[in-house]
Amino acid sequence: MSGRLAGKVAVVTGAAKGLGAAAARMFAAEGARVILTDVDAGGENIARTIGTAARFVHHDVRRESEWSALIAGVEAREGRLDILVNNAGVVELDTPEGITEDSYRMVMSVSVDGMVWGCKHAIPAMRRSGGGSVINLSSIAAVQGEPNNASYTAAKGAIDAYSRMVAVYCGQTGLAIRCNAVLPNGMHTPMVASVPEKKRAAAPGAGLLDAVPGGGNARGEPEDVGALLLFLASDESRWINGQSLVIDNGASITKGAVPSPA
């Protein structure tokens, strides 16, 4: 173990599966104490497999009161907070004409509200720790057109923009806190795997198109994103701030399908 995160304390939301679970494992392997949060109790099993460097907290990111309690508990138990990964999110398939209030509110509350409250309560804790790194999971949907992802695109675009705002705010108020957005395409995660079934289950009048979401059919692994999150969480990236880092094997700049790396 090289200990790239030795002595650091990290909170990873949406950590019961997919990108969040991969990041939590990789952070702990590099010396961090990791608090995994999710509404899915499966996060308890992930924390158990990681070992004593990890623990799970049931946490609804949509509720500011739960964020306040979470961060207070982390500081009380661990003494500091150095890293926040705002990963929790959900996807619904909808179009600009077919978008519904219920699905829109759900996607926005988990992805955007969760990130906003996370930043609000993490920044003071990181100030007390002397600095930190906030990493917000956006998507290439924020920078390219995806006709079946109206709510999701709105949420991920907001995350991308808000990350820059947080970076500038922290910089101009003299805080040693960085904030970056990570924009993956479709990875091999349970959320992405649910998309075809969501499309089959959509009402005939939903107006969904046959376009492939996520910029082609190539799929990366959660650990591919986890490696970038690990870099951004570490001091190796101390000069990277307020950036939108696309991780998609070139899918967002390539016409047609992108082959998987050899």
C-alpha atoms as a PDB file:
ATOM      1  CA  MET A   1       0.000   0.000   0.000  1.00  0.00           C
ATOM      2  CA  SER A   2       1.479   3.313  -1.065  1.00  0.00           C
ATOM      3  CA  GLY A   3      -0.684   5.356   1.263  1.00  0.00           C
ATOM      4  CA  ARG A   4      -1.640   8.091  -1.183  1.00  0.00           C
ATOM      5  CA  LEU A   5      -4.495   9.048   1.183  1.00  0.00           C
ATOM      6  CA  ALA A   6      -2.809   8.160   4.464  1.00  0.00           C
ATOM      7  CA  GLY A   7      -4.303  10.038   7.393  1.00  0.00           C
ATOM      8  CA  LYS A   8      -7.240  11.407   5.389  1.00  0.00           C
ATOM      9  CA  VAL A   9     -10.936  10.957   6.102  1.00  0.00           C
ATOM     10  CA  ALA A  10     -13.364  10.610   3.204  1.00  0.00           C
ATOM     11  CA  VAL A  11     -17.143  10.567   2.797  1.00  0.00           C
ATOM     12  CA  VAL A  12     -18.488   8.832  -0.319  1.00  0.00           C
ATOM     13  CA  THR A  13     -22.206   9.025  -1.031  1.00  0.00           C
ATOM     14  CA  GLY A  14     -24.106   6.471  -3.085  1.00  0.00           C
ATOM     15  CA  ALA A  15     -21.480   3.947  -2.000  1.00  0.00           C
ATOM     16  CA  ALA A  16     -23.602   0.796  -1.859  1.00  0.00           C
ATOM     17  CA  LYS A  17     -22.741  -0.097  -5.443  1.00  0.00           C
ATOM     18  CA  GLY A  18     -21.143   1.032  -8.686  1.00  0.00           C
ATOM     19  CA  LEU A  19     -18.802   4.007  -8.757  1.00  0.00           C
ATOM     20  CA  GLY A  20     -19.237   4.833  -5.077  1.00  0.00           C
ATOM     21  CA  ALA A  21     -18.374   1.324  -3.901  1.00  0.00           C
ATOM     22  CA  ALA A  22     -15.303   1.217  -6.168  1.00  0.00           C
ATOM     23  CA  ALA A  23     -14.089   4.596  -4.905  1.00  0.00           C
ATOM     24  CA  ALA A  24     -14.570   3.584  -1.268  1.00  0.00           C
ATOM     25  CA  ARG A  25     -12.513   0.414  -1.761  1.00  0.00           C
ATOM     26  CA  MET A  26      -9.729   2.242  -3.565  1.00  0.00           C
ATOM     27  CA  PHE A  27      -9.601   5.081  -1.032  1.00  0.00           C
ATOM     28  CA  ALA A  28      -9.336   2.660   1.874  1.00  0.00           C
ATOM     29  CA  ALA A  29      -6.609   0.692   0.086  1.00  0.00           C
ATOM     30  CA  GLU A  30      -4.599   3.911  -0.087  1.00  0.00           C
ATOM     31  CA  GLY A  31      -4.834   4.621   3.635  1.00  0.00           C
ATOM     32  CA  ALA A  32      -8.014   6.692   4.039  1.00  0.00           C
ATOM     33  CA  ARG A  33     -10.712   6.228   6.641  1.00  0.00           C
ATOM     34  CA  VAL A  34     -13.881   6.006   4.549  1.00  0.00           C
ATOM     35  CA  ILE A  35     -17.493   6.674   5.514  1.00  0.00           C
ATOM     36  CA  LEU A  36     -19.809   5.079   2.969  1.00  0.00           C
ATOM     37  CA  THR A  37     -23.323   6.523   2.804  1.00  0.00           C
ATOM     38  CA  ASP A  38     -26.452   5.406   0.977  1.00  0.00           C
ATOM     39  CA  VAL A  39     -30.146   4.691   1.450  1.00  0.00           C
ATOM     40  CA  ASP A  40     -29.370   1.169   0.234  1.00  0.00           C
ATOM     41  CA  ALA A  41     -28.433  -0.981   3.219  1.00  0.00           C
ATOM     42  CA  GLY A  42     -26.171  -2.971   0.898  1.00  0.00           C
ATOM     43  CA  GLY A  43     -23.561  -0.357   1.720  1.00  0.00           C
ATOM     44  CA  GLU A  44     -23.125  -2.124   5.055  1.00  0.00           C
ATOM     45  CA  ASN A  45     -21.835  -5.188   3.226  1.00  0.00           C
ATOM     46  CA  ILE A  46     -19.411  -3.089   1.158  1.00  0.00           C
ATOM     47  CA  ALA A  47     -18.036  -1.485   4.320  1.00  0.00           C
ATOM     48  CA  ARG A  48     -17.680  -4.896   5.943  1.00  0.00           C
ATOM     49  CA  THR A  49     -15.676  -6.270   3.021  1.00  0.00           C
ATOM     50  CA  ILE A  50     -13.367  -3.240   3.149  1.00  0.00           C
ATOM     51  CA  GLY A  51     -12.641  -3.802   6.822  1.00  0.00           C
ATOM     52  CA  THR A  52     -11.872  -1.577   9.774  1.00  0.00           C
ATOM     53  CA  ALA A  53     -10.953   1.398   7.586  1.00  0.00           C
ATOM     54  CA  ALA A  54     -14.594   1.780   6.538  1.00  0.00           C
ATOM     55  CA  ARG A  55     -18.003   2.200   8.084  1.00  0.00           C
ATOM     56  CA  PHE A  56     -21.483   2.642   6.663  1.00  0.00           C
ATOM     57  CA  VAL A  57     -24.046   5.322   7.523  1.00  0.00           C
ATOM     58  CA  HIS A  58     -27.622   5.222   6.251  1.00  0.00           C
ATOM     59  CA  HIS A  59     -28.046   8.651   4.709  1.00  0.00           C
ATOM     60  CA  ASP A  60     -30.665  10.308   2.493  1.00  0.00           C
ATOM     61  CA  VAL A  61     -28.699  12.974   0.631  1.00  0.00           C
ATOM     62  CA  ARG A  62     -31.886  14.902  -0.174  1.00  0.00           C
ATOM     63  CA  ARG A  63     -32.291  15.983   3.457  1.00  0.00           C
ATOM     64  CA  GLU A  64     -30.127  18.814   4.745  1.00  0.00           C
ATOM     65  CA  SER A  65     -30.727  17.718   8.340  1.00  0.00           C
ATOM     66  CA  GLU A  66     -29.162  14.345   7.549  1.00  0.00           C
ATOM     67  CA  TRP A  67     -26.117  16.052   6.055  1.00  0.00           C
ATOM     68  CA  SER A  68     -25.690  18.159   9.171  1.00  0.00           C
ATOM     69  CA  ALA A  69     -25.878  15.086  11.378  1.00  0.00           C
ATOM     70  CA  LEU A  70     -23.554  13.087   9.134  1.00  0.00           C
ATOM     71  CA  ILE A  71     -20.751  15.648   9.030  1.00  0.00           C
ATOM     72  CA  ALA A  72     -21.043  16.366  12.752  1.00  0.00           C
ATOM     73  CA  GLY A  73     -20.745  12.639  13.414  1.00  0.00           C
ATOM     74  CA  VAL A  74     -17.720  12.293  11.147  1.00  0.00           C
ATOM     75  CA  GLU A  75     -15.915  15.132  12.909  1.00  0.00           C
ATOM     76  CA  ALA A  76     -16.814  13.785  16.337  1.00  0.00           C
ATOM     77  CA  ARG A  77     -15.633  10.259  15.555  1.00  0.00           C
ATOM     78  CA  GLU A  78     -12.779  10.815  13.100  1.00  0.00           C
ATOM     79  CA  GLY A  79     -11.648  14.300  14.139  1.00  0.00           C
ATOM     80  CA  ARG A  80     -11.586  15.722  10.610  1.00  0.00           C
ATOM     81  CA  LEU A  81     -12.956  15.622   7.049  1.00  0.00           C
ATOM     82  CA  ASP A  82     -10.635  15.822   4.051  1.00  0.00           C
ATOM     83  CA  ILE A  83     -12.535  14.377   1.087  1.00  0.00           C
ATOM     84  CA  LEU A  84     -16.145  14.428  -0.067  1.00  0.00           C
ATOM     85  CA  VAL A  85     -17.313  12.488  -3.113  1.00  0.00           C
ATOM     86  CA  ASN A  86     -20.859  13.520  -4.066  1.00  0.00           C
ATOM     87  CA  ASN A  87     -21.676  10.408  -6.069  1.00  0.00           C
ATOM     88  CA  ALA A  88     -25.305   9.646  -5.182  1.00  0.00           C
ATOM     89  CA  GLY A  89     -27.623   9.896  -8.173  1.00  0.00           C
ATOM     90  CA  VAL A  90     -30.517   8.301 -10.025  1.00  0.00           C
ATOM     91  CA  VAL A  91     -31.533   8.168 -13.669  1.00  0.00           C
ATOM     92  CA  GLU A  92     -34.976   8.338 -15.278  1.00  0.00           C
ATOM     93  CA  LEU A  93     -35.609   8.235 -19.003  1.00  0.00           C
ATOM     94  CA  ASP A  94     -37.624  11.185 -20.277  1.00  0.00           C
ATOM     95  CA  THR A  95     -37.724  13.693 -23.100  1.00  0.00           C
ATOM     96  CA  PRO A  96     -38.270  17.463 -23.052  1.00  0.00           C
ATOM     97  CA  GLU A  97     -41.905  16.833 -24.016  1.00  0.00           C
ATOM     98  CA  GLY A  98     -42.448  13.777 -21.856  1.00  0.00           C
ATOM     99  CA  ILE A  99     -40.752  14.904 -18.658  1.00  0.00           C
ATOM    100  CA  THR A 100     -42.950  14.566 -15.557  1.00  0.00           C
ATOM    101  CA  GLU A 101     -42.837  16.544 -12.352  1.00  0.00           C
ATOM    102  CA  ASP A 102     -42.388  13.474 -10.147  1.00  0.00           C
ATOM    103  CA  SER A 103     -39.401  12.027 -12.025  1.00  0.00           C
ATOM    104  CA  TYR A 104     -37.821  15.453 -12.462  1.00  0.00           C
ATOM    105  CA  ARG A 105     -38.118  16.259  -8.742  1.00  0.00           C
ATOM    106  CA  MET A 106     -36.671  12.886  -7.778  1.00  0.00           C
ATOM    107  CA  VAL A 107     -33.634  13.141 -10.059  1.00  0.00           C
ATOM    108  CA  MET A 108     -32.913  16.737  -9.126  1.00  0.00           C
ATOM    109  CA  SER A 109     -33.340  16.206  -5.386  1.00  0.00           C
ATOM    110  CA  VAL A 110     -30.955  13.260  -5.217  1.00  0.00           C
ATOM    111  CA  SER A 111     -28.312  14.571  -7.604  1.00  0.00           C
ATOM    112  CA  VAL A 112     -28.429  18.356  -7.168  1.00  0.00           C
ATOM    113  CA  ASP A 113     -29.902  18.907  -3.713  1.00  0.00           C
ATOM    114  CA  GLY A 114     -27.654  16.190  -2.322  1.00  0.00           C
ATOM    115  CA  MET A 115     -24.568  17.847  -3.809  1.00  0.00           C
ATOM    116  CA  VAL A 116     -25.564  21.342  -2.634  1.00  0.00           C
ATOM    117  CA  TRP A 117     -26.183  20.239   0.961  1.00  0.00           C
ATOM    118  CA  GLY A 118     -23.032  18.127   0.913  1.00  0.00           C
ATOM    119  CA  CYS A 119     -20.891  21.075  -0.133  1.00  0.00           C
ATOM    120  CA  LYS A 120     -22.579  23.371   2.383  1.00  0.00           C
ATOM    121  CA  HIS A 121     -21.760  21.152   5.342  1.00  0.00           C
ATOM    122  CA  ALA A 122     -18.418  19.774   4.145  1.00  0.00           C
ATOM    123  CA  ILE A 123     -16.790  23.155   3.524  1.00  0.00           C
ATOM    124  CA  PRO A 124     -16.797  24.290   7.179  1.00  0.00           C
ATOM    125  CA  ALA A 125     -15.531  20.866   8.278  1.00  0.00           C
ATOM    126  CA  MET A 126     -12.725  20.992   5.719  1.00  0.00           C
ATOM    127  CA  ARG A 127     -11.891  24.530   6.811  1.00  0.00           C
ATOM    128  CA  ARG A 128     -11.385  23.177  10.323  1.00  0.00           C
ATOM    129  CA  SER A 129      -9.191  20.381   8.908  1.00  0.00           C
ATOM    130  CA  GLY A 130      -7.032  22.847   7.017  1.00  0.00           C
ATOM    131  CA  GLY A 131      -8.315  22.044   3.534  1.00  0.00           C
ATOM    132  CA  GLY A 132      -9.779  19.317   1.408  1.00  0.00           C
ATOM    133  CA  SER A 133     -11.068  18.026  -1.898  1.00  0.00           C
ATOM    134  CA  VAL A 134     -14.703  17.955  -3.041  1.00  0.00           C
ATOM    135  CA  ILE A 135     -15.437  15.774  -6.063  1.00  0.00           C
ATOM    136  CA  ASN A 136     -18.856  15.937  -7.696  1.00  0.00           C
ATOM    137  CA  LEU A 137     -20.037  13.246 -10.107  1.00  0.00           C
ATOM    138  CA  SER A 138     -21.531  14.828 -13.200  1.00  0.00           C
ATOM    139  CA  SER A 139     -21.797  13.072 -16.593  1.00  0.00           C
ATOM    140  CA  ILE A 140     -20.967  13.585 -20.232  1.00  0.00           C
ATOM    141  CA  ALA A 141     -24.713  14.228 -20.510  1.00  0.00           C
ATOM    142  CA  ALA A 142     -23.753  17.694 -19.238  1.00  0.00           C
ATOM    143  CA  VAL A 143     -21.697  18.416 -22.355  1.00  0.00           C
ATOM    144  CA  GLN A 144     -23.412  16.459 -25.141  1.00  0.00           C
ATOM    145  CA  GLY A 145     -26.990  15.968 -26.279  1.00  0.00           C
ATOM    146  CA  GLU A 146     -28.806  12.869 -25.003  1.00  0.00           C
ATOM    147  CA  PRO A 147     -32.456  12.966 -26.114  1.00  0.00           C
ATOM    148  CA  ASN A 148     -33.851  10.488 -23.582  1.00  0.00           C
ATOM    149  CA  ASN A 149     -32.270  11.984 -20.457  1.00  0.00           C
ATOM    150  CA  ALA A 150     -34.066  15.288 -19.851  1.00  0.00           C
ATOM    151  CA  SER A 151     -34.128  15.226 -16.028  1.00  0.00           C
ATOM    152  CA  TYR A 152     -30.729  13.565 -15.774  1.00  0.00           C
ATOM    153  CA  THR A 153     -29.109  16.049 -18.166  1.00  0.00           C
ATOM    154  CA  ALA A 154     -30.549  19.007 -16.245  1.00  0.00           C
ATOM    155  CA  ALA A 155     -29.171  17.591 -12.996  1.00  0.00           C
ATOM    156  CA  LYS A 156     -25.722  16.746 -14.316  1.00  0.00           C
ATOM    157  CA  GLY A 157     -25.365  20.124 -16.015  1.00  0.00           C
ATOM    158  CA  ALA A 158     -26.189  21.817 -12.720  1.00  0.00           C
ATOM    159  CA  ILE A 159     -23.576  19.722 -10.919  1.00  0.00           C
ATOM    160  CA  ASP A 160     -20.912  20.680 -13.454  1.00  0.00           C
ATOM    161  CA  ALA A 161     -21.649  24.409 -13.126  1.00  0.00           C
ATOM    162  CA  TYR A 162     -21.997  24.333  -9.339  1.00  0.00           C
ATOM    163  CA  SER A 163     -18.616  22.652  -8.968  1.00  0.00           C
ATOM    164  CA  ARG A 164     -16.905  25.613 -10.616  1.00  0.00           C
ATOM    165  CA  MET A 165     -18.777  27.992  -8.363  1.00  0.00           C
ATOM    166  CA  VAL A 166     -17.670  26.132  -5.243  1.00  0.00           C
ATOM    167  CA  ALA A 167     -14.056  26.132  -6.457  1.00  0.00           C
ATOM    168  CA  VAL A 168     -14.100  29.886  -7.040  1.00  0.00           C
ATOM    169  CA  TYR A 169     -15.862  30.583  -3.742  1.00  0.00           C
ATOM    170  CA  CYS A 170     -13.327  28.575  -1.756  1.00  0.00           C
ATOM    171  CA  GLY A 171     -10.410  30.099  -3.624  1.00  0.00           C
ATOM    172  CA  GLN A 172     -11.553  33.676  -3.204  1.00  0.00           C
ATOM    173  CA  THR A 173     -12.312  33.227   0.484  1.00  0.00           C
ATOM    174  CA  GLY A 174      -8.842  31.843   1.166  1.00  0.00           C
ATOM    175  CA  LEU A 175      -9.855  28.235   1.786  1.00  0.00           C
ATOM    176  CA  ALA A 176      -7.509  25.432   0.754  1.00  0.00           C
ATOM    177  CA  ILE A 177     -10.470  23.460  -0.576  1.00  0.00           C
ATOM    178  CA  ARG A 178     -10.603  22.264  -4.169  1.00  0.00           C
ATOM    179  CA  CYS A 179     -13.742  21.252  -6.041  1.00  0.00           C
ATOM    180  CA  ASN A 180     -13.826  19.390  -9.348  1.00  0.00           C
ATOM    181  CA  ALA A 181     -16.481  17.657 -11.424  1.00  0.00           C
ATOM    182  CA  VAL A 182     -16.010  14.237 -13.016  1.00  0.00           C
ATOM    183  CA  LEU A 183     -17.985  13.493 -16.182  1.00  0.00           C
ATOM    184  CA  PRO A 184     -18.095   9.759 -17.023  1.00  0.00           C
ATOM    185  CA  ASN A 185     -19.974   8.115 -19.832  1.00  0.00           C
ATOM    186  CA  GLY A 186     -21.877   4.893 -19.253  1.00  0.00           C
ATOM    187  CA  MET A 187     -19.872   2.515 -17.057  1.00  0.00           C
ATOM    188  CA  HIS A 188     -20.564  -1.073 -16.040  1.00  0.00           C
ATOM    189  CA  THR A 189     -22.713  -0.132 -13.042  1.00  0.00           C
ATOM    190  CA  PRO A 190     -26.156  -1.250 -11.857  1.00  0.00           C
ATOM    191  CA  MET A 191     -27.603   2.175 -12.709  1.00  0.00           C
ATOM    192  CA  VAL A 192     -26.426   2.010 -16.314  1.00  0.00           C
ATOM    193  CA  ALA A 193     -27.507  -1.630 -16.552  1.00  0.00           C
ATOM    194  CA  SER A 194     -31.052  -0.579 -15.591  1.00  0.00           C
ATOM    195  CA  VAL A 195     -31.435   1.749 -18.585  1.00  0.00           C
ATOM    196  CA  PRO A 196     -32.546  -0.834 -21.226  1.00  0.00           C
ATOM    197  CA  GLU A 197     -35.241  -2.188 -18.913  1.00  0.00           C
ATOM    198  CA  LYS A 198     -36.409   1.343 -18.100  1.00  0.00           C
ATOM    199  CA  LYS A 199     -36.754   1.970 -21.820  1.00  0.00           C
ATOM    200  CA  ARG A 200     -38.707  -1.261 -22.401  1.00  0.00           C
ATOM    201  CA  ALA A 201     -41.009  -0.373 -19.503  1.00  0.00           C
ATOM    202  CA  ALA A 202     -41.661   3.171 -20.720  1.00  0.00           C
ATOM    203  CA  ALA A 203     -45.178   4.002 -21.838  1.00  0.00           C
ATOM    204  CA  PRO A 204     -45.698   3.899 -25.622  1.00  0.00           C
ATOM    205  CA  GLY A 205     -46.338   7.644 -25.619  1.00  0.00           C
ATOM    206  CA  ALA A 206     -43.139   8.523 -23.786  1.00  0.00           C
ATOM    207  CA  GLY A 207     -41.471   9.552 -27.044  1.00  0.00           C
ATOM    208  CA  LEU A 208     -38.148   7.862 -26.290  1.00  0.00           C
ATOM    209  CA  LEU A 209     -35.728   7.644 -29.196  1.00  0.00           C
ATOM    210  CA  ASP A 210     -33.409   4.810 -30.147  1.00  0.00           C
ATOM    211  CA  ALA A 211     -30.261   6.837 -29.431  1.00  0.00           C
ATOM    212  CA  VAL A 212     -27.741   5.048 -27.243  1.00  0.00           C
ATOM    213  CA  PRO A 213     -27.232   6.967 -23.977  1.00  0.00           C
ATOM    214  CA  GLY A 214     -23.764   7.665 -22.719  1.00  0.00           C
ATOM    215  CA  GLY A 215     -21.970   8.344 -25.999  1.00  0.00           C
ATOM    216  CA  GLY A 216     -21.695   4.978 -27.749  1.00  0.00           C
ATOM    217  CA  ASN A 217     -21.620   1.369 -26.649  1.00  0.00           C
ATOM    218  CA  ALA A 218     -18.190   1.234 -24.989  1.00  0.00           C
ATOM    219  CA  ARG A 219     -18.368   0.706 -21.252  1.00  0.00           C
ATOM    220  CA  GLY A 220     -15.656   1.327 -18.724  1.00  0.00           C
ATOM    221  CA  GLU A 221     -15.361  -0.248 -15.303  1.00  0.00           C
ATOM    222  CA  PRO A 222     -16.124   1.478 -11.988  1.00  0.00           C
ATOM    223  CA  GLU A 223     -12.440   1.242 -11.129  1.00  0.00           C
ATOM    224  CA  ASP A 224     -11.601   3.359 -14.199  1.00  0.00           C
ATOM    225  CA  VAL A 225     -13.546   6.220 -12.645  1.00  0.00           C
ATOM    226  CA  GLY A 226     -12.299   5.277  -9.186  1.00  0.00           C
ATOM    227  CA  ALA A 227      -8.712   5.844 -10.293  1.00  0.00           C
ATOM    228  CA  LEU A 228      -9.548   9.404 -11.322  1.00  0.00           C
ATOM    229  CA  LEU A 229     -11.429  10.024  -8.077  1.00  0.00           C
ATOM    230  CA  LEU A 230      -8.441   8.720  -6.134  1.00  0.00           C
ATOM    231  CA  PHE A 231      -6.116  11.108  -7.972  1.00  0.00           C
ATOM    232  CA  LEU A 232      -8.428  14.081  -7.326  1.00  0.00           C
ATOM    233  CA  ALA A 233      -8.749  13.125  -3.660  1.00  0.00           C
ATOM    234  CA  SER A 234      -4.975  12.971  -3.217  1.00  0.00           C
ATOM    235  CA  ASP A 235      -2.440  15.761  -2.860  1.00  0.00           C
ATOM    236  CA  GLU A 236      -1.064  14.762  -6.274  1.00  0.00           C
ATOM    237  CA  SER A 237      -3.847  16.862  -7.824  1.00  0.00           C
ATOM    238  CA  ARG A 238      -3.363  19.892  -5.586  1.00  0.00           C
ATOM    239  CA  TRP A 239      -3.087  22.220  -8.615  1.00  0.00           C
ATOM    240  CA  ILE A 240      -6.293  20.952 -10.260  1.00  0.00           C
ATOM    241  CA  ASN A 241      -9.318  22.972  -9.230  1.00  0.00           C
ATOM    242  CA  GLY A 242     -12.653  23.979 -10.729  1.00  0.00           C
ATOM    243  CA  GLN A 243     -12.282  21.577 -13.644  1.00  0.00           C
ATOM    244  CA  SER A 244     -14.666  19.316 -15.555  1.00  0.00           C
ATOM    245  CA  LEU A 245     -12.796  16.079 -16.186  1.00  0.00           C
ATOM    246  CA  VAL A 246     -14.372  13.875 -18.854  1.00  0.00           C
ATOM    247  CA  ILE A 247     -13.677  10.153 -18.594  1.00  0.00           C
ATOM    248  CA  ASP A 248     -15.273   8.356 -21.546  1.00  0.00           C
ATOM    249  CA  ASN A 249     -12.579   6.848 -23.812  1.00  0.00           C
ATOM    250  CA  GLY A 250     -13.274   9.617 -26.320  1.00  0.00           C
ATOM    251  CA  ALA A 251     -16.981   8.789 -26.695  1.00  0.00           C
ATOM    252  CA  SER A 252     -18.148  12.395 -26.441  1.00  0.00           C
ATOM    253  CA  ILE A 253     -15.889  13.536 -29.288  1.00  0.00           C
ATOM    254  CA  THR A 254     -16.316  10.552 -31.617  1.00  0.00           C
ATOM    255  CA  LYS A 255     -19.000   9.874 -34.209  1.00  0.00           C
ATOM    256  CA  GLY A 256     -20.575   6.463 -33.794  1.00  0.00           C
ATOM    257  CA  ALA A 257     -19.663   3.662 -31.412  1.00  0.00           C
ATOM    258  CA  VAL A 258     -16.341   3.671 -29.595  1.00  0.00           C
ATOM    259  CA  PRO A 259     -14.570   0.313 -29.196  1.00  0.00           C
ATOM    260  CA  SER A 260     -13.500  -0.756 -25.761  1.00  0.00           C
ATOM    261  CA  PRO A 261      -9.773  -0.443 -25.025  1.00  0.00           C
ATOM    262  CA  ALA A 262      -7.756  -3.579 -25.754  1.00  0.00           C
END
